[in-house]
Full PDB file with SEQRES, HELIX, SHEET, SSBOND, CRYST1, ORIGX, SCALE, CONECT and MASTER records, all heavy atoms in Angstrom:
SEQRES   1 A   36  THR VAL CYS PRO LEU VAL ILE GLY GLY SER HIS ALA PRO          
SEQRES   2 A   36  THR ILE SER ASP GLY LEU GLY ILE GLU GLN LEU THR ASP          
SEQRES   3 A   36  ALA ARG ARG PHE HIS LEU THR ARG ARG LYS                      
HELIX    1 AA1 LEU A   24  ASP A   26  5                                   3    
CRYST1    1.000    1.000    1.000  90.00  90.00  90.00 P 1           1          
ORIGX1      1.000000  0.000000  0.000000        0.00000                         
ORIGX2      0.000000  1.000000  0.000000        0.00000                         
ORIGX3      0.000000  0.000000  1.000000        0.00000                         
SCALE1      1.000000  0.000000  0.000000        0.00000                         
SCALE2      0.000000  1.000000  0.000000        0.00000                         
SCALE3      0.000000  0.000000  1.000000        0.00000                         
ATOM      1  N   THR A   1     -25.667  78.531   1.879  1.00  0.00           N  
ATOM      2  CA  THR A   1     -25.108  79.167   0.651  1.00  0.00           C  
ATOM      3  C   THR A   1     -23.550  79.324   0.906  1.00  0.00           C  
ATOM      4  O   THR A   1     -23.022  79.958   1.871  1.00  0.00           O  
ATOM      5  CB  THR A   1     -25.610  80.519   0.433  1.00  0.00           C  
ATOM      6  OG1 THR A   1     -27.042  80.491   0.289  1.00  0.00           O  
ATOM      7  CG2 THR A   1     -24.955  81.198  -0.873  1.00  0.00           C  
ATOM      8  N   VAL A   2     -22.706  78.547   0.153  1.00  0.00           N  
ATOM      9  CA  VAL A   2     -21.262  78.593   0.222  1.00  0.00           C  
ATOM     10  C   VAL A   2     -20.820  79.599  -0.683  1.00  0.00           C  
ATOM     11  O   VAL A   2     -20.944  79.561  -1.924  1.00  0.00           O  
ATOM     12  CB  VAL A   2     -20.752  77.206  -0.037  1.00  0.00           C  
ATOM     13  CG1 VAL A   2     -19.259  77.301   0.147  1.00  0.00           C  
ATOM     14  CG2 VAL A   2     -21.393  76.186   0.875  1.00  0.00           C  
ATOM     15  N   CYS A   3     -20.109  80.646  -0.174  1.00  0.00           N  
ATOM     16  CA  CYS A   3     -19.550  81.738  -0.979  1.00  0.00           C  
ATOM     17  C   CYS A   3     -18.089  81.605  -1.252  1.00  0.00           C  
ATOM     18  O   CYS A   3     -17.259  81.002  -0.354  1.00  0.00           O  
ATOM     19  CB  CYS A   3     -19.794  83.058  -0.201  1.00  0.00           C  
ATOM     20  SG  CYS A   3     -21.614  83.347   0.151  1.00  0.00           S  
ATOM     21  N   PRO A   4     -17.600  82.052  -2.426  1.00  0.00           N  
ATOM     22  CA  PRO A   4     -16.238  81.849  -2.849  1.00  0.00           C  
ATOM     23  C   PRO A   4     -15.261  82.765  -2.245  1.00  0.00           C  
ATOM     24  O   PRO A   4     -14.565  83.553  -2.873  1.00  0.00           O  
ATOM     25  CB  PRO A   4     -16.276  82.046  -4.256  1.00  0.00           C  
ATOM     26  CG  PRO A   4     -17.396  83.093  -4.433  1.00  0.00           C  
ATOM     27  CD  PRO A   4     -18.397  82.750  -3.453  1.00  0.00           C  
ATOM     28  N   LEU A   5     -15.155  82.706  -0.842  1.00  0.00           N  
ATOM     29  CA  LEU A   5     -14.013  83.510  -0.249  1.00  0.00           C  
ATOM     30  C   LEU A   5     -13.631  82.751   1.054  1.00  0.00           C  
ATOM     31  O   LEU A   5     -14.397  81.936   1.600  1.00  0.00           O  
ATOM     32  CB  LEU A   5     -14.486  84.967   0.076  1.00  0.00           C  
ATOM     33  CG  LEU A   5     -15.356  85.191   1.220  1.00  0.00           C  
ATOM     34  CD1 LEU A   5     -15.381  86.657   1.623  1.00  0.00           C  
ATOM     35  CD2 LEU A   5     -16.841  84.796   0.924  1.00  0.00           C  
ATOM     36  N   VAL A   6     -12.478  83.050   1.494  1.00  0.00           N  
ATOM     37  CA  VAL A   6     -11.912  82.485   2.819  1.00  0.00           C  
ATOM     38  C   VAL A   6     -11.731  83.655   3.789  1.00  0.00           C  
ATOM     39  O   VAL A   6     -10.964  84.517   3.487  1.00  0.00           O  
ATOM     40  CB  VAL A   6     -10.674  81.725   2.627  1.00  0.00           C  
ATOM     41  CG1 VAL A   6     -10.054  81.215   3.849  1.00  0.00           C  
ATOM     42  CG2 VAL A   6     -10.992  80.431   1.734  1.00  0.00           C  
ATOM     43  N   ILE A   7     -12.308  83.562   5.051  1.00  0.00           N  
ATOM     44  CA  ILE A   7     -12.135  84.635   5.960  1.00  0.00           C  
ATOM     45  C   ILE A   7     -11.078  84.188   7.029  1.00  0.00           C  
ATOM     46  O   ILE A   7     -10.291  85.033   7.404  1.00  0.00           O  
ATOM     47  CB  ILE A   7     -13.466  84.870   6.653  1.00  0.00           C  
ATOM     48  CG1 ILE A   7     -14.559  85.423   5.638  1.00  0.00           C  
ATOM     49  CG2 ILE A   7     -13.283  85.840   7.848  1.00  0.00           C  
ATOM     50  CD1 ILE A   7     -15.912  85.641   6.202  1.00  0.00           C  
ATOM     51  N   GLY A   8     -11.050  83.008   7.534  1.00  0.00           N  
ATOM     52  CA  GLY A   8     -10.059  82.568   8.488  1.00  0.00           C  
ATOM     53  C   GLY A   8     -10.280  83.140   9.867  1.00  0.00           C  
ATOM     54  O   GLY A   8     -11.195  84.006  10.138  1.00  0.00           O  
ATOM     55  N   GLY A   9      -9.354  82.782  10.810  1.00  0.00           N  
ATOM     56  CA  GLY A   9      -9.392  83.340  12.112  1.00  0.00           C  
ATOM     57  C   GLY A   9     -10.106  82.484  13.001  1.00  0.00           C  
ATOM     58  O   GLY A   9     -11.368  82.060  12.872  1.00  0.00           O  
ATOM     59  N   SER A  10      -9.473  82.102  14.212  1.00  0.00           N  
ATOM     60  CA  SER A  10     -10.080  81.244  15.205  1.00  0.00           C  
ATOM     61  C   SER A  10     -11.276  81.875  15.960  1.00  0.00           C  
ATOM     62  O   SER A  10     -12.155  81.129  16.538  1.00  0.00           O  
ATOM     63  CB  SER A  10      -9.045  80.720  16.259  1.00  0.00           C  
ATOM     64  OG  SER A  10      -8.452  81.843  16.833  1.00  0.00           O  
ATOM     65  N   HIS A  11     -11.323  83.215  15.934  1.00  0.00           N  
ATOM     66  CA  HIS A  11     -12.360  83.897  16.614  1.00  0.00           C  
ATOM     67  C   HIS A  11     -13.516  84.457  15.596  1.00  0.00           C  
ATOM     68  O   HIS A  11     -14.490  85.032  16.183  1.00  0.00           O  
ATOM     69  CB  HIS A  11     -11.783  85.094  17.337  1.00  0.00           C  
ATOM     70  CG  HIS A  11     -10.821  84.765  18.387  1.00  0.00           C  
ATOM     71  ND1 HIS A  11     -11.161  84.093  19.469  1.00  0.00           N  
ATOM     72  CD2 HIS A  11      -9.478  84.894  18.445  1.00  0.00           C  
ATOM     73  CE1 HIS A  11     -10.166  83.852  20.232  1.00  0.00           C  
ATOM     74  NE2 HIS A  11      -9.057  84.368  19.631  1.00  0.00           N  
ATOM     75  N   ALA A  12     -13.420  84.154  14.446  1.00  0.00           N  
ATOM     76  CA  ALA A  12     -14.495  84.485  13.502  1.00  0.00           C  
ATOM     77  C   ALA A  12     -15.688  83.518  13.683  1.00  0.00           C  
ATOM     78  O   ALA A  12     -15.405  82.294  13.817  1.00  0.00           O  
ATOM     79  CB  ALA A  12     -13.961  84.391  12.079  1.00  0.00           C  
ATOM     80  N   PRO A  13     -16.906  84.021  13.754  1.00  0.00           N  
ATOM     81  CA  PRO A  13     -18.024  83.118  14.082  1.00  0.00           C  
ATOM     82  C   PRO A  13     -18.361  82.147  12.836  1.00  0.00           C  
ATOM     83  O   PRO A  13     -18.019  82.467  11.716  1.00  0.00           O  
ATOM     84  CB  PRO A  13     -19.204  84.068  14.288  1.00  0.00           C  
ATOM     85  CG  PRO A  13     -18.803  85.335  13.625  1.00  0.00           C  
ATOM     86  CD  PRO A  13     -17.303  85.399  13.641  1.00  0.00           C  
ATOM     87  N   THR A  14     -18.797  80.956  13.237  1.00  0.00           N  
ATOM     88  CA  THR A  14     -19.224  79.923  12.347  1.00  0.00           C  
ATOM     89  C   THR A  14     -20.735  79.757  12.373  1.00  0.00           C  
ATOM     90  O   THR A  14     -21.433  80.437  13.143  1.00  0.00           O  
ATOM     91  CB  THR A  14     -18.545  78.638  12.556  1.00  0.00           C  
ATOM     92  OG1 THR A  14     -19.133  78.076  13.773  1.00  0.00           O  
ATOM     93  CG2 THR A  14     -17.050  78.818  12.719  1.00  0.00           C  
ATOM     94  N   ILE A  15     -21.301  78.901  11.510  1.00  0.00           N  
ATOM     95  CA  ILE A  15     -22.778  78.705  11.559  1.00  0.00           C  
ATOM     96  C   ILE A  15     -23.244  78.007  12.798  1.00  0.00           C  
ATOM     97  O   ILE A  15     -24.399  78.084  13.081  1.00  0.00           O  
ATOM     98  CB  ILE A  15     -23.191  77.855  10.309  1.00  0.00           C  
ATOM     99  CG1 ILE A  15     -22.712  76.422  10.448  1.00  0.00           C  
ATOM    100  CG2 ILE A  15     -22.753  78.523   9.008  1.00  0.00           C  
ATOM    101  CD1 ILE A  15     -23.432  75.480   9.432  1.00  0.00           C  
ATOM    102  N   SER A  16     -22.328  77.458  13.563  1.00  0.00           N  
ATOM    103  CA  SER A  16     -22.762  76.810  14.750  1.00  0.00           C  
ATOM    104  C   SER A  16     -21.594  76.943  15.856  1.00  0.00           C  
ATOM    105  O   SER A  16     -20.805  76.115  15.985  1.00  0.00           O  
ATOM    106  CB  SER A  16     -23.070  75.228  14.516  1.00  0.00           C  
ATOM    107  OG  SER A  16     -23.589  74.778  15.702  1.00  0.00           O  
ATOM    108  N   ASP A  17     -21.730  78.028  16.677  1.00  0.00           N  
ATOM    109  CA  ASP A  17     -20.807  78.259  17.685  1.00  0.00           C  
ATOM    110  C   ASP A  17     -21.420  77.720  19.037  1.00  0.00           C  
ATOM    111  O   ASP A  17     -22.405  77.030  19.016  1.00  0.00           O  
ATOM    112  CB  ASP A  17     -20.461  79.822  17.786  1.00  0.00           C  
ATOM    113  CG  ASP A  17     -19.656  80.329  16.671  1.00  0.00           C  
ATOM    114  OD1 ASP A  17     -18.907  79.521  16.077  1.00  0.00           O  
ATOM    115  OD2 ASP A  17     -19.720  81.477  16.306  1.00  0.00           O  
ATOM    116  N   GLY A  18     -20.928  78.203  20.186  1.00  0.00           N  
ATOM    117  CA  GLY A  18     -21.464  77.822  21.421  1.00  0.00           C  
ATOM    118  C   GLY A  18     -20.870  76.660  22.013  1.00  0.00           C  
ATOM    119  O   GLY A  18     -19.631  76.426  21.801  1.00  0.00           O  
ATOM    120  N   LEU A  19     -21.637  75.739  22.622  1.00  0.00           N  
ATOM    121  CA  LEU A  19     -21.085  74.566  23.385  1.00  0.00           C  
ATOM    122  C   LEU A  19     -20.580  73.493  22.522  1.00  0.00           C  
ATOM    123  O   LEU A  19     -19.577  72.798  22.695  1.00  0.00           O  
ATOM    124  CB  LEU A  19     -22.118  74.115  24.408  1.00  0.00           C  
ATOM    125  CG  LEU A  19     -22.518  75.093  25.588  1.00  0.00           C  
ATOM    126  CD1 LEU A  19     -23.616  74.409  26.360  1.00  0.00           C  
ATOM    127  CD2 LEU A  19     -21.324  75.492  26.412  1.00  0.00           C  
ATOM    128  N   GLY A  20     -21.351  73.352  21.416  1.00  0.00           N  
ATOM    129  CA  GLY A  20     -20.936  72.223  20.414  1.00  0.00           C  
ATOM    130  C   GLY A  20     -21.079  70.897  21.110  1.00  0.00           C  
ATOM    131  O   GLY A  20     -21.866  70.713  22.083  1.00  0.00           O  
ATOM    132  N   ILE A  21     -20.478  69.901  20.557  1.00  0.00           N  
ATOM    133  CA  ILE A  21     -20.665  68.504  21.051  1.00  0.00           C  
ATOM    134  C   ILE A  21     -19.230  67.947  21.430  1.00  0.00           C  
ATOM    135  O   ILE A  21     -18.217  68.490  20.915  1.00  0.00           O  
ATOM    136  CB  ILE A  21     -21.277  67.538  20.033  1.00  0.00           C  
ATOM    137  CG1 ILE A  21     -20.481  67.476  18.742  1.00  0.00           C  
ATOM    138  CG2 ILE A  21     -22.769  67.905  19.754  1.00  0.00           C  
ATOM    139  CD1 ILE A  21     -20.920  66.375  17.810  1.00  0.00           C  
ATOM    140  N   GLU A  22     -19.208  66.999  22.211  1.00  0.00           N  
ATOM    141  CA  GLU A  22     -17.837  66.421  22.628  1.00  0.00           C  
ATOM    142  C   GLU A  22     -17.539  65.179  21.815  1.00  0.00           C  
ATOM    143  O   GLU A  22     -16.385  64.975  21.513  1.00  0.00           O  
ATOM    144  CB  GLU A  22     -17.897  66.058  24.199  1.00  0.00           C  
ATOM    145  CG  GLU A  22     -17.965  67.267  24.954  1.00  0.00           C  
ATOM    146  CD  GLU A  22     -17.829  66.952  26.514  1.00  0.00           C  
ATOM    147  OE1 GLU A  22     -17.653  65.737  26.766  1.00  0.00           O  
ATOM    148  OE2 GLU A  22     -17.803  67.835  27.318  1.00  0.00           O  
ATOM    149  N   GLN A  23     -18.537  64.380  21.493  1.00  0.00           N  
ATOM    150  CA  GLN A  23     -18.233  63.146  20.682  1.00  0.00           C  
ATOM    151  C   GLN A  23     -18.810  63.240  19.303  1.00  0.00           C  
ATOM    152  O   GLN A  23     -19.975  63.712  19.114  1.00  0.00           O  
ATOM    153  CB  GLN A  23     -18.914  61.977  21.524  1.00  0.00           C  
ATOM    154  CG  GLN A  23     -18.492  61.859  22.879  1.00  0.00           C  
ATOM    155  CD  GLN A  23     -17.057  61.376  23.010  1.00  0.00           C  
ATOM    156  OE1 GLN A  23     -16.548  60.719  22.163  1.00  0.00           O  
ATOM    157  NE2 GLN A  23     -16.383  61.770  24.130  1.00  0.00           N  
ATOM    158  N   LEU A  24     -18.025  62.873  18.402  1.00  0.00           N  
ATOM    159  CA  LEU A  24     -18.536  62.966  16.969  1.00  0.00           C  
ATOM    160  C   LEU A  24     -19.739  62.031  16.794  1.00  0.00           C  
ATOM    161  O   LEU A  24     -20.448  62.341  15.823  1.00  0.00           O  
ATOM    162  CB  LEU A  24     -17.346  62.556  16.067  1.00  0.00           C  
ATOM    163  CG  LEU A  24     -17.573  62.731  14.501  1.00  0.00           C  
ATOM    164  CD1 LEU A  24     -17.790  64.213  14.229  1.00  0.00           C  
ATOM    165  CD2 LEU A  24     -16.263  62.258  13.812  1.00  0.00           C  
ATOM    166  N   THR A  25     -19.824  60.933  17.505  1.00  0.00           N  
ATOM    167  CA  THR A  25     -21.022  60.167  17.339  1.00  0.00           C  
ATOM    168  C   THR A  25     -22.352  60.873  17.646  1.00  0.00           C  
ATOM    169  O   THR A  25     -23.398  60.345  17.258  1.00  0.00           O  
ATOM    170  CB  THR A  25     -20.778  58.866  18.227  1.00  0.00           C  
ATOM    171  OG1 THR A  25     -20.572  59.358  19.591  1.00  0.00           O  
ATOM    172  CG2 THR A  25     -19.746  58.057  17.789  1.00  0.00           C  
ATOM    173  N   ASP A  26     -22.193  61.969  18.395  1.00  0.00           N  
ATOM    174  CA  ASP A  26     -23.436  62.779  18.779  1.00  0.00           C  
ATOM    175  C   ASP A  26     -23.732  63.808  17.735  1.00  0.00           C  
ATOM    176  O   ASP A  26     -24.696  64.576  17.894  1.00  0.00           O  
ATOM    177  CB  ASP A  26     -23.254  63.393  20.154  1.00  0.00           C  
ATOM    178  CG  ASP A  26     -23.076  62.343  21.233  1.00  0.00           C  
ATOM    179  OD1 ASP A  26     -23.704  61.328  21.118  1.00  0.00           O  
ATOM    180  OD2 ASP A  26     -22.382  62.654  22.217  1.00  0.00           O  
ATOM    181  N   ALA A  27     -22.919  63.916  16.672  1.00  0.00           N  
ATOM    182  CA  ALA A  27     -23.198  64.971  15.663  1.00  0.00           C  
ATOM    183  C   ALA A  27     -24.594  64.809  15.020  1.00  0.00           C  
ATOM    184  O   ALA A  27     -25.092  63.725  14.840  1.00  0.00           O  
ATOM    185  CB  ALA A  27     -22.041  64.833  14.581  1.00  0.00           C  
ATOM    186  N   ARG A  28     -25.228  65.882  14.703  1.00  0.00           N  
ATOM    187  CA  ARG A  28     -26.523  65.872  14.095  1.00  0.00           C  
ATOM    188  C   ARG A  28     -26.298  65.474  12.505  1.00  0.00           C  
ATOM    189  O   ARG A  28     -25.439  66.053  11.923  1.00  0.00           O  
ATOM    190  CB  ARG A  28     -27.213  67.211  14.143  1.00  0.00           C  
ATOM    191  CG  ARG A  28     -27.466  67.576  15.571  1.00  0.00           C  
ATOM    192  CD  ARG A  28     -28.281  66.539  16.295  1.00  0.00           C  
ATOM    193  NE  ARG A  28     -28.356  66.933  17.787  1.00  0.00           N  
ATOM    194  CZ  ARG A  28     -28.637  66.092  18.718  1.00  0.00           C  
ATOM    195  NH1 ARG A  28     -28.588  64.689  18.395  1.00  0.00           N  
ATOM    196  NH2 ARG A  28     -28.828  66.361  20.022  1.00  0.00           N  
ATOM    197  N   ARG A  29     -27.007  64.576  12.031  1.00  0.00           N  
ATOM    198  CA  ARG A  29     -26.905  64.019  10.780  1.00  0.00           C  
ATOM    199  C   ARG A  29     -27.926  64.598   9.798  1.00  0.00           C  
ATOM    200  O   ARG A  29     -29.136  64.633  10.063  1.00  0.00           O  
ATOM    201  CB  ARG A  29     -26.865  62.469  10.792  1.00  0.00           C  
ATOM    202  CG  ARG A  29     -25.912  61.834  11.744  1.00  0.00           C  
ATOM    203  CD  ARG A  29     -24.565  61.865  11.267  1.00  0.00           C  
ATOM    204  NE  ARG A  29     -23.559  61.428  12.301  1.00  0.00           N  
ATOM    205  CZ  ARG A  29     -22.376  61.299  12.035  1.00  0.00           C  
ATOM    206  NH1 ARG A  29     -21.739  61.525  10.940  1.00  0.00           N  
ATOM    207  NH2 ARG A  29     -21.560  60.702  13.021  1.00  0.00           N  
ATOM    208  N   PHE A  30     -27.551  64.963   8.601  1.00  0.00           N  
ATOM    209  CA  PHE A  30     -28.451  65.462   7.527  1.00  0.00           C  
ATOM    210  C   PHE A  30     -28.038  64.825   6.257  1.00  0.00           C  
ATOM    211  O   PHE A  30     -26.946  64.348   6.110  1.00  0.00           O  
ATOM    212  CB  PHE A  30     -28.259  67.077   7.450  1.00  0.00           C  
ATOM    213  CG  PHE A  30     -28.741  67.791   8.582  1.00  0.00           C  
ATOM    214  CD1 PHE A  30     -27.973  67.908   9.753  1.00  0.00           C  
ATOM    215  CD2 PHE A  30     -30.019  68.374   8.580  1.00  0.00           C  
ATOM    216  CE1 PHE A  30     -28.460  68.645  10.844  1.00  0.00           C  
ATOM    217  CE2 PHE A  30     -30.465  69.067   9.628  1.00  0.00           C  
ATOM    218  CZ  PHE A  30     -29.706  69.235  10.713  1.00  0.00           C  
ATOM    219  N   HIS A  31     -28.983  64.820   5.395  1.00  0.00           N  
ATOM    220  CA  HIS A  31     -28.677  64.218   3.989  1.00  0.00           C  
ATOM    221  C   HIS A  31     -29.009  65.424   2.965  1.00  0.00           C  
ATOM    222  O   HIS A  31     -29.983  66.123   3.143  1.00  0.00           O  
ATOM    223  CB  HIS A  31     -29.574  63.001   3.666  1.00  0.00           C  
ATOM    224  CG  HIS A  31     -31.039  63.186   3.822  1.00  0.00           C  
ATOM    225  ND1 HIS A  31     -31.744  63.193   4.864  1.00  0.00           N  
ATOM    226  CD2 HIS A  31     -32.012  63.343   2.744  1.00  0.00           C  
ATOM    227  CE1 HIS A  31     -33.016  63.321   4.799  1.00  0.00           C  
ATOM    228  NE2 HIS A  31     -33.179  63.441   3.435  1.00  0.00           N  
ATOM    229  N   LEU A  32     -28.235  65.434   1.951  1.00  0.00           N  
ATOM    230  CA  LEU A  32     -28.278  66.454   0.921  1.00  0.00           C  
ATOM    231  C   LEU A  32     -29.530  66.114   0.060  1.00  0.00           C  
ATOM    232  O   LEU A  32     -29.615  65.105  -0.532  1.00  0.00           O  
ATOM    233  CB  LEU A  32     -26.989  66.520   0.118  1.00  0.00           C  
ATOM    234  CG  LEU A  32     -26.952  67.518  -1.064  1.00  0.00           C  
ATOM    235  CD1 LEU A  32     -26.897  68.936  -0.456  1.00  0.00           C  
ATOM    236  CD2 LEU A  32     -25.685  67.260  -1.842  1.00  0.00           C  
ATOM    237  N   THR A  33     -30.407  67.112  -0.157  1.00  0.00           N  
ATOM    238  CA  THR A  33     -31.628  66.991  -1.005  1.00  0.00           C  
ATOM    239  C   THR A  33     -31.604  67.776  -2.259  1.00  0.00           C  
ATOM    240  O   THR A  33     -32.335  67.575  -3.149  1.00  0.00           O  
ATOM    241  CB  THR A  33     -32.866  67.162  -0.195  1.00  0.00           C  
ATOM    242  OG1 THR A  33     -32.821  68.483   0.447  1.00  0.00           O  
ATOM    243  CG2 THR A  33     -33.056  66.141   0.926  1.00  0.00           C  
ATOM    244  N   ARG A  34     -30.769  68.868  -2.144  1.00  0.00           N  
ATOM    245  CA  ARG A  34     -30.744  69.733  -3.390  1.00  0.00           C  
ATOM    246  C   ARG A  34     -29.423  70.530  -3.402  1.00  0.00           C  
ATOM    247  O   ARG A  34     -28.961  70.904  -2.304  1.00  0.00           O  
ATOM    248  CB  ARG A  34     -31.884  70.746  -3.296  1.00  0.00           C  
ATOM    249  CG  ARG A  34     -32.071  71.634  -4.524  1.00  0.00           C  
ATOM    250  CD  ARG A  34     -33.327  72.545  -4.383  1.00  0.00           C  
ATOM    251  NE  ARG A  34     -33.493  73.376  -5.527  1.00  0.00           N  
ATOM    252  CZ  ARG A  34     -32.943  74.691  -5.568  1.00  0.00           C  
ATOM    253  NH1 ARG A  34     -32.315  75.119  -4.602  1.00  0.00           N  
ATOM    254  NH2 ARG A  34     -33.123  75.363  -6.667  1.00  0.00           N  
ATOM    255  N   ARG A  35     -28.948  70.758  -4.610  1.00  0.00           N  
ATOM    256  CA  ARG A  35     -27.713  71.652  -4.751  1.00  0.00           C  
ATOM    257  C   ARG A  35     -27.836  72.340  -6.092  1.00  0.00           C  
ATOM    258  O   ARG A  35     -28.327  71.853  -7.086  1.00  0.00           O  
ATOM    259  CB  ARG A  35     -26.438  70.743  -4.649  1.00  0.00           C  
ATOM    260  CG  ARG A  35     -26.214  69.828  -5.704  1.00  0.00           C  
ATOM    261  CD  ARG A  35     -24.924  69.118  -5.465  1.00  0.00           C  
ATOM    262  NE  ARG A  35     -24.671  68.060  -6.515  1.00  0.00           N  
ATOM    263  CZ  ARG A  35     -23.602  67.271  -6.539  1.00  0.00           C  
ATOM    264  NH1 ARG A  35     -22.644  67.315  -5.554  1.00  0.00           N  
ATOM    265  NH2 ARG A  35     -23.500  66.342  -7.503  1.00  0.00           N  
ATOM    266  N   LYS A  36     -27.397  73.560  -6.106  1.00  0.00           N  
ATOM    267  CA  LYS A  36     -27.390  74.344  -7.277  1.00  0.00           C  
ATOM    268  C   LYS A  36     -26.336  75.467  -7.178  1.00  0.00           C  
ATOM    269  O   LYS A  36     -26.154  76.043  -6.245  1.00  0.00           O  
ATOM    270  CB  LYS A  36     -28.813  75.044  -7.323  1.00  0.00           C  
ATOM    271  CG  LYS A  36     -28.950  76.024  -8.627  1.00  0.00           C  
ATOM    272  CD  LYS A  36     -30.320  76.577  -8.703  1.00  0.00           C  
ATOM    273  CE  LYS A  36     -30.495  77.472  -9.857  1.00  0.00           C  
ATOM    274  NZ  LYS A  36     -31.858  78.198 -10.092  1.00  0.00           N  
TER     275      LYS A  36                                                      
MASTER        0    0    0    1    0    0    0    6  274    1    0    3          
END                                                                             
């Protein structure tokens, strides 16, 4: 759910924090199936 506000801040948590990935080629891929 994308909400209409901007919080900002490099220390504010995101939906996926932690170690993350090093190479963009390793990113998990999803396809959009619904939007409203």
